[in-house]
């Protein structure tokens, strides 16, 4: 779809607007995508609502507490290898 190509739609009696398929496909907006609606001087702006709220590392750090002593790199590598081997069998 070109920059200057104009697509049109109609507002229904219920106030619903159907976004053209070309726009939905280009934006990767499947059915059920939640959109925020913002009134701007240029018109209405639609933006997808993130599935999860934005966070930073400080908000997440320490949320998964580990009990016991720290594992060595060798112990972690062995655990990853065991799990990979288990998943390869399944």
Protein backbone atom coordinates (compact mmCIF):
# COMPACT_ATOMS: atom_id res chain seq x y z
CA UNK A 1 0.00 0.00 0.00
CA UNK A 2 1.47 3.32 -1.05
CA UNK A 3 1.90 6.33 1.21
CA UNK A 4 -0.63 8.40 -0.74
CA UNK A 5 -3.21 5.63 -1.23
CA UNK A 6 -6.34 6.53 0.76
CA UNK A 7 -8.52 3.82 2.20
CA UNK A 8 -11.99 4.66 3.44
CA UNK A 9 -14.44 3.08 5.84
CA UNK A 10 -17.86 3.92 7.27
CA UNK A 11 -19.03 4.47 10.84
CA UNK A 12 -21.98 2.18 11.61
CA UNK A 13 -25.11 3.22 13.50
CA UNK A 14 -23.48 1.66 16.57
CA UNK A 15 -20.35 3.81 16.13
CA UNK A 16 -18.27 0.89 14.91
CA UNK A 17 -15.53 1.28 12.33
CA UNK A 18 -14.10 -1.56 10.26
CA UNK A 19 -10.39 -1.18 9.61
CA UNK A 20 -9.51 -2.21 6.05
CA UNK A 21 -7.84 -5.62 5.79
CA UNK A 22 -4.74 -4.09 4.20
CA UNK A 23 -4.18 -1.96 7.31
CA UNK A 24 -4.86 -4.84 9.72
CA UNK A 25 -2.46 -7.09 7.81
CA UNK A 26 0.25 -4.42 7.56
CA UNK A 27 0.01 -3.73 11.31
CA UNK A 28 -0.33 -7.44 12.25
CA UNK A 29 -3.57 -6.70 14.12
CA UNK A 30 -5.62 -9.93 14.28
CA UNK A 31 -9.21 -10.03 15.52
CA UNK A 32 -9.36 -9.23 19.22
CA UNK A 33 -6.42 -6.80 19.19
CA UNK A 34 -7.04 -4.14 21.82
CA UNK A 35 -6.45 -0.60 20.58
CA UNK A 36 -6.14 2.65 22.49
CA UNK A 37 -7.98 5.59 20.92
CA UNK A 38 -6.42 9.04 21.12
CA UNK A 39 -7.92 12.29 19.85
CA UNK A 40 -5.22 14.39 18.16
CA UNK A 41 -5.34 17.67 16.22
CA UNK A 42 -4.81 15.68 13.00
CA UNK A 43 -7.56 13.14 13.73
CA UNK A 44 -7.95 9.91 15.67
CA UNK A 45 -4.87 7.83 16.51
CA UNK A 46 -5.19 4.08 17.11
CA UNK A 47 -2.37 2.24 18.86
CA UNK A 48 -2.23 -1.39 20.03
CA UNK A 49 -2.41 -1.82 23.79
CA UNK A 50 0.57 -3.84 25.09
CA UNK A 51 -0.29 -7.28 26.44
CA UNK A 52 1.70 -6.57 29.59
CA UNK A 53 2.35 -3.27 31.35
CA UNK A 54 5.75 -1.72 30.72
CA UNK A 55 8.25 -2.49 33.50
CA UNK A 56 11.89 -1.93 34.22
CA UNK A 57 14.52 -4.25 35.65
CA UNK A 58 14.22 -2.75 39.14
CA UNK A 59 10.53 -3.69 39.31
CA UNK A 60 11.29 -7.29 38.32
CA UNK A 61 14.61 -7.86 40.05
CA UNK A 62 14.29 -10.20 43.00
CA UNK A 63 10.70 -11.20 42.26
CA UNK A 64 11.73 -14.84 41.80
CA UNK A 65 13.42 -15.73 45.04
CA UNK A 66 15.82 -18.67 45.10
CA UNK A 67 16.23 -20.68 48.26
CA UNK A 68 19.49 -22.49 48.83
CA UNK A 69 23.03 -21.88 47.79
CA UNK A 70 23.99 -20.49 44.41
CA UNK A 71 24.71 -22.99 41.64
CA UNK A 72 28.01 -23.06 39.82
CA UNK A 73 28.15 -22.48 36.07
CA UNK A 74 28.96 -26.17 35.64
CA UNK A 75 25.86 -27.17 37.66
CA UNK A 76 23.67 -24.84 35.57
CA UNK A 77 25.12 -26.20 32.32
CA UNK A 78 24.48 -29.78 33.50
CA UNK A 79 20.85 -28.92 34.37
CA UNK A 80 20.32 -27.33 30.94
CA UNK A 81 21.85 -30.40 29.24
CA UNK A 82 19.59 -32.76 31.25
CA UNK A 83 16.48 -30.76 30.32
CA UNK A 84 17.50 -30.60 26.64
CA UNK A 85 18.02 -34.37 26.62
CA UNK A 86 14.62 -34.89 28.31
CA UNK A 87 12.84 -32.67 25.79
CA UNK A 88 14.54 -34.44 22.88
CA UNK A 89 12.93 -37.71 24.03
CA UNK A 90 9.41 -36.23 24.36
